[in-house]
Protein backbone atom coordinates (compact mmCIF):
# COMPACT_ATOMS: atom_id res chain seq x y z
CA MET A 1 48.38 -59.69 -196.22
CA ALA A 2 51.36 -61.61 -197.00
CA ASP A 3 50.39 -65.54 -198.38
CA LEU A 4 53.07 -66.91 -195.75
CA GLY A 5 53.95 -69.78 -197.80
CA VAL A 6 50.97 -72.07 -197.67
CA LYS A 7 47.69 -72.80 -200.03
CA PHE A 8 44.45 -74.00 -199.17
CA PRO A 9 42.86 -76.72 -200.28
CA SER A 10 39.89 -75.71 -202.57
CA PHE A 11 36.74 -76.61 -200.31
CA LEU A 12 37.74 -74.61 -197.56
CA PRO A 13 35.44 -71.22 -197.19
CA PRO A 14 37.65 -68.30 -198.86
CA GLU A 15 38.13 -66.82 -195.51
CA ALA A 16 40.81 -68.99 -194.58
CA SER A 17 42.83 -66.72 -196.09
CA HIS A 18 42.14 -64.13 -193.40
CA LEU A 19 43.72 -66.51 -190.83
CA LYS A 20 47.02 -64.71 -189.29
CA GLU A 21 48.24 -67.41 -187.19
CA GLN A 22 51.24 -69.37 -188.74
CA ALA A 23 49.92 -72.85 -187.07
CA ALA A 24 46.55 -71.88 -188.32
CA ARG A 25 47.31 -71.48 -191.77
CA ILE A 26 49.77 -74.40 -192.37
CA MET A 27 47.27 -76.99 -190.45
CA ALA A 28 44.68 -75.43 -192.99
CA SER A 29 46.77 -76.31 -195.64
CA ARG A 30 47.01 -79.90 -194.63
CA ILE A 31 43.30 -80.54 -194.57
CA LYS A 32 42.37 -82.98 -197.08
CA ARG A 33 39.21 -85.19 -197.34
CA LEU A 34 38.86 -89.08 -197.33
CA PRO A 35 35.92 -90.89 -198.78
CA VAL A 36 34.35 -92.88 -195.80
CA THR A 37 31.54 -95.88 -196.73
CA THR A 38 29.03 -95.61 -194.42
CA GLU A 39 25.42 -96.74 -193.81
CA LEU A 40 24.83 -93.48 -193.08
CA SER A 41 24.92 -92.44 -196.97
CA ALA A 42 24.36 -94.18 -200.37
CA SER A 43 27.66 -92.21 -201.29
CA PRO A 44 30.80 -92.18 -199.38
CA ILE A 45 31.20 -89.12 -197.31
CA LEU A 46 34.05 -87.04 -198.12
CA THR A 47 35.93 -86.57 -194.66
CA SER A 48 38.00 -83.55 -193.69
CA CYS A 49 41.03 -84.56 -191.85
CA VAL A 50 44.71 -84.04 -191.04
CA THR A 51 46.45 -87.09 -191.60
CA PRO A 52 50.05 -87.94 -190.18
CA GLY A 53 53.19 -87.39 -192.14
CA VAL A 54 54.46 -90.95 -191.30
CA ILE A 55 52.64 -93.95 -190.66
CA ARG A 56 53.96 -95.67 -187.88
CA SER A 57 53.26 -99.50 -188.00
CA ASN A 58 54.69 -100.35 -184.79
CA ALA A 59 52.75 -97.73 -182.67
CA SER A 60 49.54 -97.03 -181.74
CA PRO A 61 48.04 -94.29 -184.10
CA LEU A 62 46.16 -91.30 -182.05
CA LEU A 63 42.88 -90.36 -183.09
CA LEU A 64 42.41 -86.58 -182.43
CA LEU A 65 38.72 -85.38 -181.75
CA HIS A 66 37.40 -82.01 -181.31
CA GLY A 67 35.17 -79.98 -178.92
CA PHE A 68 31.69 -79.13 -179.83
CA ASP A 69 30.83 -76.95 -183.03
CA SER A 70 34.43 -77.21 -183.75
CA SER A 71 36.91 -78.78 -186.09
CA CYS A 72 40.41 -80.24 -186.35
CA LEU A 73 42.00 -76.66 -186.42
CA GLU A 74 41.78 -77.34 -182.90
CA TRP A 75 44.95 -79.23 -182.92
CA ARG A 76 46.79 -76.87 -184.76
CA ARG A 77 49.44 -76.14 -182.41
CA ALA A 78 49.71 -79.55 -180.65
CA PHE A 79 49.81 -81.45 -183.67
CA PRO A 80 53.19 -80.86 -185.43
CA LEU A 81 54.33 -81.21 -181.74
CA LEU A 82 52.92 -84.89 -181.55
CA GLU A 83 54.50 -85.85 -184.92
CA ASP A 84 57.98 -84.39 -183.75
CA ALA A 85 57.31 -86.65 -180.79
CA GLY A 86 57.30 -89.52 -183.12
CA LEU A 87 53.70 -90.15 -182.87
CA GLU A 88 50.97 -90.69 -185.26
CA PRO A 89 47.96 -88.10 -184.86
CA TRP A 90 45.07 -88.28 -187.36
CA ALA A 91 42.78 -85.01 -186.43
CA VAL A 92 39.31 -85.92 -187.64
CA ASP A 93 36.50 -83.71 -188.12
CA ILE A 94 33.37 -85.15 -186.22
CA LEU A 95 30.17 -85.38 -188.60
CA GLY A 96 28.51 -82.17 -189.39
CA TRP A 97 31.33 -80.05 -187.83
CA GLY A 98 34.40 -79.16 -189.72
CA PHE A 99 34.79 -79.34 -193.39
CA SER A 100 33.83 -82.53 -194.30
CA SER A 101 31.31 -82.61 -197.62
CA SER A 102 27.81 -81.61 -197.36
CA GLU A 103 27.02 -82.76 -201.08
CA ARG A 104 25.47 -86.35 -199.90
CA LYS A 105 22.46 -86.50 -198.36
CA ILE A 106 22.98 -88.29 -194.70
CA SER A 107 20.42 -89.40 -192.95
CA SER A 108 21.54 -88.36 -189.48
CA TYR A 109 23.99 -85.85 -187.66
CA GLY A 110 22.77 -86.91 -184.64
CA ALA A 111 25.03 -88.63 -181.63
CA LYS A 112 24.82 -92.06 -182.92
CA ALA A 113 25.61 -90.71 -186.24
CA LYS A 114 28.63 -89.13 -185.21
CA THR A 115 29.72 -91.85 -183.65
CA ARG A 116 29.08 -94.55 -186.38
CA HIS A 117 31.17 -92.01 -188.83
CA LEU A 118 34.11 -91.75 -186.65
CA TYR A 119 34.14 -95.80 -186.34
CA ASP A 120 33.73 -96.14 -190.40
CA PHE A 121 36.43 -93.45 -190.84
CA TRP A 122 38.80 -95.89 -188.61
CA ARG A 123 37.36 -98.81 -190.29
CA SER A 124 38.37 -97.33 -193.62
CA HIS A 125 41.65 -95.32 -193.06
CA ILE A 126 43.11 -96.37 -189.80
CA ARG A 127 42.57 -99.86 -189.22
CA ARG A 128 44.69 -100.45 -186.23
CA PRO A 129 43.66 -100.13 -182.58
CA ALA A 130 44.16 -96.27 -181.88
CA THR A 131 44.42 -94.11 -178.67
CA VAL A 132 41.55 -91.95 -178.71
CA VAL A 133 41.42 -88.33 -177.77
CA GLY A 134 38.42 -86.40 -176.78
CA PRO A 135 38.66 -82.77 -175.49
CA SER A 136 35.67 -81.26 -174.17
CA LEU A 137 32.50 -82.66 -175.98
CA GLY A 138 34.79 -85.05 -178.19
CA GLY A 139 35.29 -86.85 -175.09
CA ALA A 140 31.81 -87.81 -174.37
CA VAL A 141 32.33 -88.86 -178.28
CA ALA A 142 35.46 -90.97 -177.25
CA ILE A 143 33.49 -92.54 -174.21
CA GLU A 144 30.71 -93.99 -176.46
CA LEU A 145 33.45 -94.83 -178.87
CA ALA A 146 35.28 -97.16 -176.32
CA ALA A 147 32.00 -98.04 -175.24
CA THR A 148 30.23 -99.29 -178.49
CA TYR A 149 33.72 -99.96 -180.51
CA PRO A 150 36.17 -101.40 -177.92
CA GLU A 151 37.82 -103.01 -181.09
CA MET A 152 39.32 -99.87 -182.28
CA VAL A 153 40.08 -97.87 -178.91
CA SER A 154 43.44 -99.61 -177.44
CA LYS A 155 43.19 -96.45 -174.88
CA LEU A 156 41.65 -93.31 -174.02
CA VAL A 157 42.77 -89.82 -173.08
CA LEU A 158 40.04 -87.40 -172.13
CA ILE A 159 40.96 -83.65 -172.03
CA ASP A 160 38.77 -81.36 -170.09
CA ALA A 161 35.97 -83.85 -171.23
CA GLN A 162 32.15 -83.78 -170.93
CA GLY A 163 30.77 -86.85 -169.67
CA TYR A 164 28.10 -85.98 -166.85
CA ALA A 165 26.04 -84.16 -168.94
CA GLU A 166 22.83 -85.89 -169.82
CA GLY A 167 21.87 -84.94 -173.39
CA LEU A 168 20.52 -81.44 -174.61
CA GLY A 169 17.52 -80.97 -172.52
CA ASN A 170 14.69 -78.75 -173.84
CA LEU A 171 16.45 -77.94 -177.00
CA THR A 172 15.23 -81.32 -178.36
CA THR A 173 11.50 -79.85 -178.40
CA SER A 174 12.13 -76.50 -179.31
CA PRO A 175 10.89 -75.21 -182.68
CA ARG A 176 13.17 -75.13 -185.59
CA SER A 177 12.97 -71.80 -186.19
CA LEU A 178 14.50 -70.94 -182.45
CA LEU A 179 16.95 -73.66 -182.72
CA TYR A 180 18.03 -71.81 -186.04
CA ALA A 181 18.33 -68.71 -184.59
CA GLY A 182 20.13 -69.82 -181.97
CA ALA A 183 22.54 -71.26 -184.68
CA ALA A 184 23.04 -67.87 -185.98
CA VAL A 185 23.89 -66.31 -182.63
CA LEU A 186 26.50 -69.45 -182.13
CA LYS A 187 28.26 -68.20 -185.31
CA SER A 188 28.21 -64.38 -184.34
CA VAL A 189 31.30 -62.71 -183.78
CA PRO A 190 30.37 -61.27 -180.80
CA LEU A 191 29.32 -64.83 -179.20
CA ARG A 192 32.57 -65.97 -180.38
CA ALA A 193 34.37 -62.98 -178.68
CA TYR A 194 32.73 -63.83 -175.09
CA ALA A 195 33.39 -67.59 -175.05
CA ASN A 196 37.22 -67.03 -176.16
CA LEU A 197 37.60 -64.57 -173.56
CA LEU A 198 35.91 -67.24 -171.32
CA ILE A 199 38.07 -69.67 -171.85
CA PHE A 200 41.55 -67.82 -172.43
CA LYS A 201 42.77 -65.05 -169.96
CA GLY A 202 45.44 -61.99 -171.19
CA LEU A 203 44.24 -62.22 -174.76
CA ASN A 204 45.47 -59.30 -176.50
CA TYR A 205 42.83 -57.87 -179.52
CA SER A 206 45.11 -59.41 -182.61
CA SER A 207 45.03 -63.04 -180.69
CA LEU A 208 41.45 -62.68 -179.77
CA MET A 209 40.41 -62.03 -183.50
CA ASP A 210 42.62 -64.71 -184.88
CA LEU A 211 40.75 -67.16 -182.55
CA ILE A 212 37.85 -65.77 -183.52
CA ARG A 213 38.81 -66.50 -187.06
CA VAL A 214 40.02 -69.88 -186.72
CA GLY A 215 36.81 -70.97 -184.34
CA ARG A 216 34.08 -70.02 -186.98
CA LEU A 217 35.71 -70.84 -189.83
CA HIS A 218 33.91 -74.23 -190.10
CA CYS A 219 30.62 -72.13 -189.46
CA LEU A 220 31.20 -70.73 -192.96
CA MET A 221 30.72 -74.22 -194.55
CA PRO A 222 27.57 -75.04 -196.28
CA GLY A 223 24.88 -77.14 -194.55
CA TRP A 224 26.61 -76.43 -191.18
CA ALA A 225 23.36 -74.73 -189.59
CA ASP A 226 21.22 -77.45 -191.04
CA ALA A 227 23.78 -80.18 -189.38
CA LEU A 228 23.65 -78.28 -186.05
CA VAL A 229 20.09 -77.93 -185.57
CA ASP A 230 19.74 -82.02 -186.69
CA PHE A 231 22.22 -82.67 -183.72
CA MET A 232 20.54 -80.38 -181.44
CA ILE A 233 16.92 -81.93 -182.05
CA SER A 234 18.68 -85.39 -181.84
CA GLY A 235 19.04 -85.03 -177.83
CA GLY A 236 23.15 -84.64 -178.02
CA TYR A 237 25.37 -86.89 -176.04
CA ASN A 238 24.12 -88.82 -172.82
CA VAL A 239 27.26 -91.19 -172.27
CA VAL A 240 26.63 -91.54 -168.06
CA SER A 241 25.83 -94.96 -168.35
CA GLN A 242 28.67 -95.91 -170.58
CA ILE A 243 31.15 -94.68 -168.56
CA PRO A 244 31.67 -97.65 -166.17
CA GLN A 245 31.56 -99.88 -169.39
CA VAL A 246 34.98 -98.34 -170.19
CA ASP A 247 37.70 -100.59 -169.22
CA LYS A 248 40.71 -99.09 -171.27
CA GLU A 249 43.51 -97.58 -169.72
CA THR A 250 42.95 -93.90 -169.60
CA LEU A 251 44.40 -90.45 -169.28
CA LEU A 252 42.99 -87.45 -167.76
CA ILE A 253 44.11 -84.20 -168.92
CA TRP A 254 42.56 -80.97 -166.98
CA GLY A 255 43.33 -77.68 -167.12
CA GLU A 256 43.81 -76.13 -163.55
CA ARG A 257 41.38 -73.02 -163.98
CA ASP A 258 38.82 -74.66 -166.65
CA THR A 259 35.20 -72.60 -165.70
CA ILE A 260 33.54 -74.91 -168.24
CA VAL A 261 33.49 -78.31 -167.43
CA PRO A 262 35.60 -78.05 -163.99
CA THR A 263 38.16 -80.40 -162.23
CA PHE A 264 35.47 -81.94 -159.98
CA ASN A 265 34.53 -83.46 -163.43
CA ALA A 266 37.85 -85.49 -163.64
CA GLU A 267 37.38 -86.43 -160.09
CA LYS A 268 34.23 -88.36 -160.59
CA PHE A 269 36.05 -89.80 -163.58
CA LEU A 270 39.15 -91.19 -161.69
CA VAL A 271 36.25 -92.61 -159.50
CA ASP A 272 34.30 -94.09 -162.50
CA LEU A 273 37.16 -95.18 -164.62
CA PRO A 274 39.59 -97.46 -162.17
CA ASN A 275 42.11 -97.85 -164.88
CA SER A 276 42.80 -93.95 -165.21
CA ARG A 277 44.85 -91.12 -163.84
CA LEU A 278 44.72 -87.74 -163.86
CA GLU A 279 47.47 -84.93 -164.92
CA ILE A 280 46.47 -80.80 -163.81
CA ILE A 281 48.09 -78.44 -166.21
CA SER A 282 48.75 -75.30 -164.48
CA ASP A 283 47.68 -71.85 -165.27
CA CYS A 284 45.29 -73.19 -168.08
CA GLY A 285 41.66 -73.36 -168.80
CA HIS A 286 39.16 -75.45 -170.78
CA ILE A 287 41.33 -76.28 -174.27
CA PRO A 288 44.76 -77.04 -172.86
CA HIS A 289 45.72 -78.33 -176.43
CA VAL A 290 45.37 -74.60 -177.50
CA GLU A 291 46.67 -72.92 -174.53
CA LYS A 292 49.27 -75.27 -173.48
CA PRO A 293 50.02 -77.51 -176.50
CA THR A 294 53.74 -78.36 -175.34
CA ALA A 295 52.28 -79.53 -171.97
CA VAL A 296 49.52 -81.79 -173.70
CA ALA A 297 52.20 -83.08 -176.28
CA ASP A 298 54.48 -84.27 -173.37
CA SER A 299 51.53 -85.87 -171.40
CA LEU A 300 50.78 -87.92 -174.53
CA SER A 301 54.17 -88.76 -175.18
CA ARG A 302 54.71 -90.05 -171.74
CA PHE A 303 51.44 -91.85 -171.57
CA LEU A 304 52.30 -93.91 -174.78
CA LYS A 305 56.00 -94.26 -173.42
CA VAL A 306 57.18 -92.17 -176.27
CA THR A 307 60.39 -89.95 -175.15
CA SER A 308 59.57 -86.12 -176.54
CA GLY A 309 62.38 -84.59 -177.90
CA HIS A 310 60.58 -81.58 -179.61
CA ALA A 311 60.84 -77.79 -179.06
CA ASP A 312 58.59 -75.61 -176.83
CA GLY A 313 55.28 -74.77 -178.97
CA PRO A 314 53.52 -71.31 -178.74
CA ASP A 315 51.64 -71.34 -175.78
CA LEU A 316 49.15 -68.52 -175.34
CA ALA A 317 50.17 -67.88 -171.64
CA SER A 318 53.54 -66.97 -170.67
CA ALA A 319 52.98 -68.91 -167.50
CA GLY A 320 54.48 -72.58 -167.06
CA THR A 321 53.01 -75.56 -168.30
CA SER A 322 53.95 -77.75 -165.91
CA SER A 323 51.55 -80.52 -165.09
CA LEU A 324 50.64 -81.76 -161.60
CA SER A 325 49.77 -85.62 -161.58
CA VAL A 326 47.04 -86.53 -159.36
CA SER A 327 45.56 -89.90 -158.11
CA LEU A 328 43.05 -91.05 -155.65
């Protein structure tokens, strides 16, 4: 296939060259590794991320997280829109996922370690209170960051966020052999195809296959399965008791037709986070920043009181991307 004018960093799996979506190729070409000094490792962890093109000292940075077993490529469509809107986005891979170096011995890939690593990344490279954006499982990570390290969080954005699931249940006591088998299934093309068909509607074959390529690229990194199994054994995220501790101004963004984390979860957040408001994105599923990137970028711009002047982004669906503000 044509090169499409981008060059990928050498630490990415060679399969990165198979990506067809231009937004994914450009985002992948921008991934870098920054050293993070942390108590989790004797040596700095080379942490994969996409950094902003411009550091804006007069604005709050945006720390963009991602969902379960994913990577910063989740933000491939919204990231350039956020930059065009005059914001300062940092898309960071959560420890154990994405494209960070696996060459150093890390003490844990559990929930507490993932949160601590993000705090150490912020302390090393951002060093200013940030608006933390957490989609799906990244929402639970964002809640724990806000409750545990409030000095790093200026505002909170939860996108179709998990927060009321109490850990990973029986997975913590399952045999490692069974968990490794589950990881192999999670990495498989059929499972990834099923998940995308569940999340997105109206996909053609070409779009589906490229979503699969993007979504499983990080699974081809060395050490991915080991880190995933370690996370599952650790028990995962259980932040239910921490939600009432969050006093940051919070924006809730939810896809109207999310069947993974339905909108009644957003209504619970509205009750438990008094300093919050909700925007529903119409005709949208579980990953609005992929499916409706323009709507998400506009919502973030409004929340941060920045006037957006960017053009429309590459929405998956042709239906409108308008959002409906909801409050109790």
